[in-house]
């Protein structure tokens, strides 16, 4: 007969081992990580795929019609709009059992194409248009899905379905915590505005139009224009604002559509 104390020692070692505790089920009060994202709600225009495991005669890829229903084999028209895919799945399973088509079917429902929820993206983006969404996104994510902004664009106007709007700097949210990146939902409109522009002509090496994408003084603008030519004079700089010539200082901050004209110096 084995030594009683040896058996007790072996049992104690097994009970104290980490693997033994890892195999114990979690207590009812323990918290498990969960996805807090709300489930997707189907809408008109969405395309769903249905199937029954082990069967092919129930396979379908159908669009949710204007009346909110889908037409499926055996069960006919089934309400889908306003439901989650899981709710639709459970209803289809119940209908197949109730109609004596199948005894205990395993039904699957998935969304093949998202069309009922979308964001409209316009303005200075590389791929403007309708962006379908399956959940709420951050504003920077929507801009990325539209191919990113064109050069120098920064200001984004986010308009909600109720007509309220807010202007957001893309550079600011790119460097900020995610909580400062606004959420964008179905029906929202995103407009990426063209950058403000100033103009510089006359005796500068690179005259033309330039993006006013950050605070800029007259002196900085002259450097942006490639600097003065050999004939240019910093004392003969004119500033035209809203069609009127105003007194200019080198530390004057430019506004959108300002025009600088650099004249020739006297010898």
Protein backbone atom coordinates (compact mmCIF):
# COMPACT_ATOMS: atom_id res chain seq x y z
CA UNK A 1 0.00 0.00 0.00
CA UNK A 2 1.54 3.40 -0.98
CA UNK A 3 2.79 5.69 1.76
CA UNK A 4 -0.10 7.93 2.90
CA UNK A 5 2.09 10.98 3.49
CA UNK A 6 3.66 10.65 0.04
CA UNK A 7 0.20 10.69 -1.58
CA UNK A 8 -0.79 13.81 0.35
CA UNK A 9 2.43 15.55 -0.72
CA UNK A 10 1.88 14.74 -4.41
CA UNK A 11 -1.73 15.96 -4.27
CA UNK A 12 -0.68 19.23 -2.65
CA UNK A 13 1.94 19.84 -5.35
CA UNK A 14 -0.60 19.27 -8.15
CA UNK A 15 -3.18 21.60 -6.56
CA UNK A 16 -0.59 24.36 -6.17
CA UNK A 17 0.69 24.17 -9.74
CA UNK A 18 -0.23 27.09 -12.14
CA UNK A 19 -1.61 24.70 -14.76
CA UNK A 20 -4.10 23.30 -12.32
CA UNK A 21 -5.47 26.75 -11.57
CA UNK A 22 -5.50 27.72 -15.26
CA UNK A 23 -7.90 24.88 -16.01
CA UNK A 24 -10.46 26.03 -13.45
CA UNK A 25 -13.50 27.76 -14.95
CA UNK A 26 -13.84 31.52 -14.44
CA UNK A 27 -16.10 32.54 -11.58
CA UNK A 28 -19.46 34.04 -12.36
CA UNK A 29 -18.32 37.43 -11.06
CA UNK A 30 -15.16 37.62 -13.19
CA UNK A 31 -15.17 40.13 -16.03
CA UNK A 32 -14.36 38.98 -19.55
CA UNK A 33 -13.21 41.39 -22.26
CA UNK A 34 -15.97 42.21 -24.68
CA UNK A 35 -16.40 44.28 -27.81
CA UNK A 36 -18.40 47.35 -26.86
CA UNK A 37 -19.11 48.27 -30.48
CA UNK A 38 -22.85 48.15 -31.19
CA UNK A 39 -23.93 45.50 -33.71
CA UNK A 40 -24.54 46.51 -37.30
CA UNK A 41 -28.18 47.19 -38.14
CA UNK A 42 -29.28 46.14 -41.62
CA UNK A 43 -30.88 48.66 -43.95
CA UNK A 44 -32.37 49.02 -47.40
CA UNK A 45 -29.80 48.42 -50.12
CA UNK A 46 -27.55 46.18 -48.04
CA UNK A 47 -26.72 42.83 -49.64
CA UNK A 48 -26.80 39.78 -47.36
CA UNK A 49 -25.69 36.21 -47.86
CA UNK A 50 -27.61 33.36 -46.24
CA UNK A 51 -26.71 29.69 -45.98
CA UNK A 52 -27.52 26.49 -44.10
CA UNK A 53 -24.57 24.35 -43.10
CA UNK A 54 -24.61 21.10 -45.07
CA UNK A 55 -27.17 22.32 -47.61
CA UNK A 56 -26.88 24.29 -50.84
CA UNK A 57 -30.56 24.84 -51.66
CA UNK A 58 -30.85 27.69 -49.12
CA UNK A 59 -27.77 29.59 -50.29
CA UNK A 60 -28.71 33.10 -51.40
CA UNK A 61 -27.14 36.49 -52.01
CA UNK A 62 -29.92 39.04 -51.95
CA UNK A 63 -30.43 42.77 -51.58
CA UNK A 64 -32.75 44.21 -48.96
CA UNK A 65 -35.62 45.76 -50.91
CA UNK A 66 -37.32 49.13 -50.45
CA UNK A 67 -39.97 47.50 -48.28
CA UNK A 68 -37.19 46.29 -45.95
CA UNK A 69 -37.58 42.59 -46.79
CA UNK A 70 -35.42 39.95 -48.46
CA UNK A 71 -36.74 37.17 -50.69
CA UNK A 72 -35.28 33.79 -49.76
CA UNK A 73 -35.78 30.16 -50.79
CA UNK A 74 -38.53 28.24 -48.94
CA UNK A 75 -39.50 31.06 -46.56
CA UNK A 76 -40.25 33.83 -49.08
CA UNK A 77 -40.21 37.48 -47.97
CA UNK A 78 -38.61 38.06 -44.58
CA UNK A 79 -38.29 41.45 -42.83
CA UNK A 80 -34.58 42.41 -42.62
CA UNK A 81 -34.21 46.19 -42.39
CA UNK A 82 -33.83 47.38 -38.81
CA UNK A 83 -32.49 44.02 -37.64
CA UNK A 84 -28.99 42.83 -36.88
CA UNK A 85 -27.59 39.91 -38.89
CA UNK A 86 -27.94 37.70 -35.80
CA UNK A 87 -31.60 38.62 -35.38
CA UNK A 88 -32.26 37.82 -39.03
CA UNK A 89 -30.40 34.53 -38.67
CA UNK A 90 -32.52 33.47 -35.69
CA UNK A 91 -35.74 34.39 -37.49
CA UNK A 92 -34.74 32.39 -40.58
CA UNK A 93 -33.90 29.37 -38.47
CA UNK A 94 -37.26 29.57 -36.70
CA UNK A 95 -39.12 29.87 -40.01
CA UNK A 96 -37.35 26.84 -41.49
CA UNK A 97 -38.24 24.74 -38.44
CA UNK A 98 -41.80 26.05 -38.21
CA UNK A 99 -42.41 25.33 -41.88
CA UNK A 100 -41.03 21.77 -41.47
CA UNK A 101 -38.38 22.45 -44.13
CA UNK A 102 -35.50 21.44 -41.86
CA UNK A 103 -35.41 19.88 -38.41
CA UNK A 104 -32.44 21.58 -36.74
CA UNK A 105 -30.72 23.86 -39.28
CA UNK A 106 -27.51 25.79 -38.63
CA UNK A 107 -28.14 29.08 -40.39
CA UNK A 108 -25.57 31.75 -41.22
CA UNK A 109 -26.20 35.34 -42.27
CA UNK A 110 -23.45 37.76 -43.32
CA UNK A 111 -23.38 41.18 -44.91
CA UNK A 112 -21.82 41.04 -48.36
CA UNK A 113 -22.17 44.73 -49.27
CA UNK A 114 -22.83 47.71 -47.03
CA UNK A 115 -25.02 50.27 -48.80
CA UNK A 116 -27.54 51.60 -46.33
CA UNK A 117 -24.99 53.40 -44.16
CA UNK A 118 -22.56 55.77 -45.78
CA UNK A 119 -20.65 59.03 -45.42
CA UNK A 120 -20.41 61.61 -48.20
CA UNK A 121 -16.84 62.88 -48.68
CA UNK A 122 -16.24 65.91 -50.90
CA UNK A 123 -13.59 68.54 -51.57
CA UNK A 124 -9.84 68.21 -51.58
CA UNK A 125 -9.57 64.42 -51.27
CA UNK A 126 -8.09 62.03 -53.78
CA UNK A 127 -11.23 59.85 -54.04
CA UNK A 128 -14.34 61.94 -53.33
CA UNK A 129 -17.73 60.26 -53.24
CA UNK A 130 -19.80 57.90 -51.11
CA UNK A 131 -17.93 55.89 -48.47
CA UNK A 132 -19.98 52.90 -47.19
CA UNK A 133 -19.49 52.19 -43.48
CA UNK A 134 -20.27 49.21 -41.29
CA UNK A 135 -19.78 51.13 -38.03
CA UNK A 136 -18.88 54.57 -36.73
CA UNK A 137 -15.41 55.71 -37.78
CA UNK A 138 -13.05 58.44 -36.68
CA UNK A 139 -12.79 61.44 -39.00
CA UNK A 140 -9.16 60.67 -39.87
CA UNK A 141 -10.18 57.12 -40.83
CA UNK A 142 -12.84 58.40 -43.23
CA UNK A 143 -10.33 60.78 -44.85
CA UNK A 144 -7.90 57.87 -45.22
CA UNK A 145 -10.61 55.72 -46.85
CA UNK A 146 -11.20 58.55 -49.33
CA UNK A 147 -7.57 58.34 -50.42
CA UNK A 148 -6.23 61.10 -48.19
CA UNK A 149 -6.25 64.85 -48.77
CA UNK A 150 -4.58 66.67 -51.62
CA UNK A 151 -1.46 68.70 -50.98
CA UNK A 152 -1.77 71.53 -48.44
CA UNK A 153 -5.43 70.85 -47.55
CA UNK A 154 -6.03 70.89 -43.81
CA UNK A 155 -9.42 72.28 -42.78
CA UNK A 156 -12.26 69.74 -42.70
CA UNK A 157 -15.91 70.67 -42.21
CA UNK A 158 -17.95 67.87 -40.63
CA UNK A 159 -21.71 68.30 -41.06
CA UNK A 160 -24.23 66.17 -39.17
CA UNK A 161 -27.65 65.07 -40.48
CA UNK A 162 -29.31 67.72 -38.28
CA UNK A 163 -27.37 70.48 -40.06
CA UNK A 164 -24.91 71.24 -37.28
CA UNK A 165 -21.27 71.45 -38.34
CA UNK A 166 -17.77 71.88 -37.00
CA UNK A 167 -14.43 72.77 -38.57
CA UNK A 168 -11.51 70.50 -37.73
CA UNK A 169 -7.81 70.75 -38.51
CA UNK A 170 -6.49 67.49 -39.93
CA UNK A 171 -3.00 68.25 -38.67
CA UNK A 172 -4.34 68.86 -35.18
CA UNK A 173 -6.25 65.58 -34.90
CA UNK A 174 -3.37 63.65 -36.49
CA UNK A 175 -1.16 64.56 -33.53
CA UNK A 176 -3.89 64.51 -30.85
CA UNK A 177 -5.32 61.69 -28.70
CA UNK A 178 -7.99 59.58 -30.39
CA UNK A 179 -10.67 61.18 -28.21
CA UNK A 180 -10.12 64.47 -30.06
CA UNK A 181 -10.66 62.80 -33.43
CA UNK A 182 -14.44 63.24 -34.02
CA UNK A 183 -16.59 60.19 -34.66
CA UNK A 184 -18.34 60.05 -38.03
CA UNK A 185 -21.59 58.15 -38.51
CA UNK A 186 -24.09 57.34 -41.22
CA UNK A 187 -25.50 60.40 -42.96
CA UNK A 188 -22.62 62.68 -42.05
CA UNK A 189 -20.92 64.82 -44.69
CA UNK A 190 -17.19 65.48 -44.76
CA UNK A 191 -15.92 68.42 -46.79
CA UNK A 192 -12.18 69.02 -47.08
CA UNK A 193 -11.81 72.68 -47.89
CA UNK A 194 -9.24 74.01 -50.31
CA UNK A 195 -6.45 75.81 -48.45
CA UNK A 196 -6.51 79.56 -48.22
CA UNK A 197 -4.36 81.21 -50.86
CA UNK A 198 -2.24 84.34 -51.17
CA UNK A 199 -0.64 85.82 -54.29
CA UNK A 200 2.70 87.48 -54.85
CA UNK A 201 3.81 89.29 -57.99
CA UNK A 202 6.46 91.68 -59.14
CA UNK A 203 10.13 91.54 -58.31
CA UNK A 204 10.32 88.11 -56.68
CA UNK A 205 12.05 85.06 -58.07
CA UNK A 206 8.97 82.79 -57.94
CA UNK A 207 5.76 84.81 -58.40
CA UNK A 208 2.37 83.10 -58.29
CA UNK A 209 -0.29 81.71 -55.94
CA UNK A 210 0.66 79.93 -52.72
CA UNK A 211 -1.27 78.01 -50.08
CA UNK A 212 -1.74 79.88 -46.83
CA UNK A 213 -1.54 76.67 -44.85
CA UNK A 214 -0.09 78.20 -41.69
CA UNK A 215 0.27 81.68 -40.15
CA UNK A 216 2.50 83.70 -42.46
CA UNK A 217 3.85 87.23 -42.34
CA UNK A 218 4.73 89.42 -45.31
CA UNK A 219 8.41 88.71 -44.74
CA UNK A 220 7.78 84.95 -44.72
CA UNK A 221 5.70 85.30 -47.89
CA UNK A 222 8.55 87.08 -49.67
CA UNK A 223 10.80 84.14 -48.80
CA UNK A 224 8.08 81.75 -50.00
CA UNK A 225 8.18 83.58 -53.31
CA UNK A 226 11.85 82.79 -53.71
CA UNK A 227 13.09 86.08 -52.31
CA UNK A 228 13.53 89.41 -54.02
CA UNK A 229 15.17 89.78 -57.38
CA UNK A 230 18.15 92.08 -57.86
CA UNK A 231 15.69 94.86 -58.68
CA UNK A 232 13.26 94.16 -55.86
CA UNK A 233 12.96 96.43 -52.83
CA UNK A 234 11.42 95.50 -49.44
CA UNK A 235 10.43 99.16 -49.12
CA UNK A 236 8.28 98.99 -52.23
CA UNK A 237 5.95 96.15 -51.26
CA UNK A 238 2.24 96.75 -51.72
CA UNK A 239 -0.50 94.74 -50.05
CA UNK A 240 -3.90 94.57 -51.73
CA UNK A 241 -6.64 93.22 -49.46
CA UNK A 242 -10.27 92.89 -50.54
CA UNK A 243 -9.57 95.10 -53.54
CA UNK A 244 -8.01 97.92 -51.50
CA UNK A 245 -4.37 98.77 -51.01
CA UNK A 246 -3.46 98.83 -47.32
CA UNK A 247 -0.36 99.91 -45.45
CA UNK A 248 2.03 96.98 -45.18
CA UNK A 249 4.60 95.99 -42.59
CA UNK A 250 7.01 93.09 -42.91
CA UNK A 251 5.56 91.51 -39.75
CA UNK A 252 1.97 91.91 -41.03
CA UNK A 253 0.15 88.57 -41.00
CA UNK A 254 -1.44 87.66 -44.32
CA UNK A 255 -5.08 86.74 -44.84
CA UNK A 256 -6.75 84.60 -47.46
CA UNK A 257 -6.68 86.14 -50.98
CA UNK A 258 -4.16 88.84 -50.04
CA UNK A 259 -2.04 90.06 -52.95
CA UNK A 260 1.54 91.24 -52.53
CA UNK A 261 3.16 93.29 -55.27
CA UNK A 262 6.90 93.93 -55.00
CA UNK A 263 8.15 96.98 -56.85
CA UNK A 264 11.58 97.92 -58.16
CA UNK A 265 14.07 99.80 -56.05
CA UNK A 266 15.50 103.12 -57.06
CA UNK A 267 19.17 103.31 -57.90
